Amino acid sequence: MNKIFFLTLKLNQKVMSLPLAIKSAYDSLTDLEKASFTDLSNRRQKAVGMGYVLWFLVGLHYAYTRKWGLQFLFWFTVGGVGVWWIIDFFRVPGIIRQYNDNVMVDSMKDIKAMR
């Protein structure tokens, strides 16, 4: 029970950082829909640590967030001859955060579609 509470609390903090439309949509959900939204969002979200592992080992951090166009460009330019690869060290958390925000928006759309 406590684990669910803390996961919901953590997700609520993420919801508060989203645009007003998503916040108001979340507030209008029933408790069951909020639980479904939490579960769906948590299953789809990516971890920053794994993003760094993929960035360091094989430069797959864009593929991890389903940005295949950027991934092929990254490979084709060999990580911008290393410069892009170094810059991405600082960008990985933002890339993952943006992906996770988009996941929450898509999850909200899916929950609304189930009504």
Protein backbone atom coordinates (compact mmCIF):
# COMPACT_ATOMS: atom_id res chain seq x y z
CA MET A 1 0.00 0.00 0.00
CA ASN A 2 2.80 2.45 0.89
CA LYS A 3 4.62 1.67 -2.38
CA ILE A 4 1.51 2.58 -4.39
CA PHE A 5 1.09 5.78 -2.38
CA PHE A 6 4.68 6.87 -3.05
CA LEU A 7 4.48 5.97 -6.75
CA THR A 8 1.27 7.99 -7.01
CA LEU A 9 2.84 10.88 -5.11
CA LYS A 10 5.88 10.83 -7.41
CA LEU A 11 3.61 10.75 -10.46
CA ASN A 12 1.50 13.60 -9.07
CA GLN A 13 4.67 15.69 -8.86
CA LYS A 14 5.36 14.91 -12.52
CA VAL A 15 1.78 15.80 -13.45
CA MET A 16 2.17 19.18 -11.75
CA SER A 17 5.06 19.99 -14.11
CA LEU A 18 2.92 19.37 -17.20
CA PRO A 19 0.81 21.91 -19.09
CA LEU A 20 -2.36 23.16 -17.45
CA ALA A 21 -4.58 21.12 -19.78
CA ILE A 22 -3.02 17.85 -18.59
CA LYS A 23 -3.22 18.90 -14.93
CA SER A 24 -6.91 19.73 -15.21
CA ALA A 25 -7.56 16.51 -17.13
CA TYR A 26 -5.81 14.54 -14.38
CA ASP A 27 -7.89 16.27 -11.71
CA SER A 28 -11.09 15.34 -13.56
CA LEU A 29 -10.27 11.61 -13.57
CA THR A 30 -11.89 9.16 -11.20
CA ASP A 31 -9.68 7.31 -8.70
CA LEU A 32 -9.72 4.19 -10.89
CA GLU A 33 -8.73 6.22 -13.95
CA LYS A 34 -5.96 7.93 -11.97
CA ALA A 35 -4.64 4.50 -10.95
CA SER A 36 -4.81 3.33 -14.58
CA PHE A 37 -3.03 6.50 -15.70
CA THR A 38 -0.33 5.98 -13.07
CA ASP A 39 0.18 2.35 -14.07
CA LEU A 40 0.20 3.10 -17.79
CA SER A 41 2.62 6.02 -17.43
CA ASN A 42 5.00 4.10 -15.16
CA ARG A 43 5.16 1.15 -17.56
CA ARG A 44 5.93 3.36 -20.57
CA GLN A 45 8.48 5.73 -18.99
CA LYS A 46 12.22 5.43 -19.53
CA ALA A 47 15.01 5.69 -16.95
CA VAL A 48 17.80 8.27 -17.13
CA GLY A 49 20.34 5.70 -15.91
CA MET A 50 19.59 3.38 -18.81
CA GLY A 51 19.78 6.36 -21.16
CA TYR A 52 23.33 7.04 -19.92
CA VAL A 53 24.29 3.37 -20.28
CA LEU A 54 23.08 3.32 -23.87
CA TRP A 55 24.71 6.69 -24.59
CA PHE A 56 28.07 5.52 -23.25
CA LEU A 57 28.23 2.00 -24.67
CA VAL A 58 26.78 2.26 -28.14
CA GLY A 59 25.26 5.70 -28.63
CA LEU A 60 21.72 4.33 -28.62
CA HIS A 61 20.18 7.01 -26.42
CA TYR A 62 18.05 8.44 -29.24
CA ALA A 63 16.76 5.00 -30.21
CA TYR A 64 15.85 4.45 -26.55
CA THR A 65 13.47 7.39 -26.81
CA ARG A 66 12.24 6.36 -30.28
CA LYS A 67 13.91 9.22 -32.14
CA TRP A 68 15.17 7.09 -34.99
CA GLY A 69 15.87 9.97 -37.37
CA LEU A 70 18.25 11.56 -34.88
CA GLN A 71 19.70 8.15 -34.07
CA PHE A 72 20.67 7.47 -37.69
CA LEU A 73 22.05 11.00 -38.04
CA PHE A 74 24.05 10.48 -34.85
CA TRP A 75 25.51 7.25 -36.24
CA PHE A 76 26.10 8.69 -39.71
CA THR A 77 28.11 11.61 -38.31
CA VAL A 78 29.83 9.36 -35.74
CA GLY A 79 28.31 11.40 -32.96
CA GLY A 80 29.17 14.70 -34.66
CA VAL A 81 32.78 13.54 -34.73
CA GLY A 82 32.56 13.14 -30.98
CA VAL A 83 31.39 16.69 -30.23
CA TRP A 84 27.67 15.82 -30.38
CA TRP A 85 28.38 12.73 -28.28
CA ILE A 86 30.00 14.85 -25.54
CA ILE A 87 27.23 17.47 -25.61
CA ASP A 88 24.65 14.69 -25.29
CA PHE A 89 26.22 13.70 -21.96
CA PHE A 90 24.58 16.82 -20.54
CA ARG A 91 21.41 16.46 -22.62
CA VAL A 92 20.46 12.85 -21.75
CA PRO A 93 18.37 13.78 -18.66
CA GLY A 94 16.44 16.38 -20.66
CA ILE A 95 15.90 13.99 -23.55
CA ILE A 96 14.51 11.35 -21.18
CA ARG A 97 12.40 13.94 -19.30
CA GLN A 98 10.88 15.18 -22.57
CA TYR A 99 10.14 11.60 -23.63
CA ASN A 100 8.52 10.85 -20.26
CA ASP A 101 6.41 14.03 -20.47
CA ASN A 102 5.20 12.93 -23.90
CA VAL A 103 4.43 9.49 -22.46
CA MET A 104 2.25 11.11 -19.80
CA VAL A 105 0.39 13.14 -22.43
CA ASP A 106 -0.16 10.02 -24.54
CA SER A 107 -1.26 8.06 -21.48
CA MET A 108 -3.79 10.76 -20.66
CA LYS A 109 -5.14 10.58 -24.21
CA ASP A 110 -5.43 6.80 -23.91
CA ILE A 111 -7.29 7.02 -20.59
CA LYS A 112 -9.64 9.66 -21.99
CA ALA A 113 -10.26 7.47 -25.06
CA MET A 114 -11.31 4.56 -22.81
CA ARG A 115 -14.16 6.55 -21.31
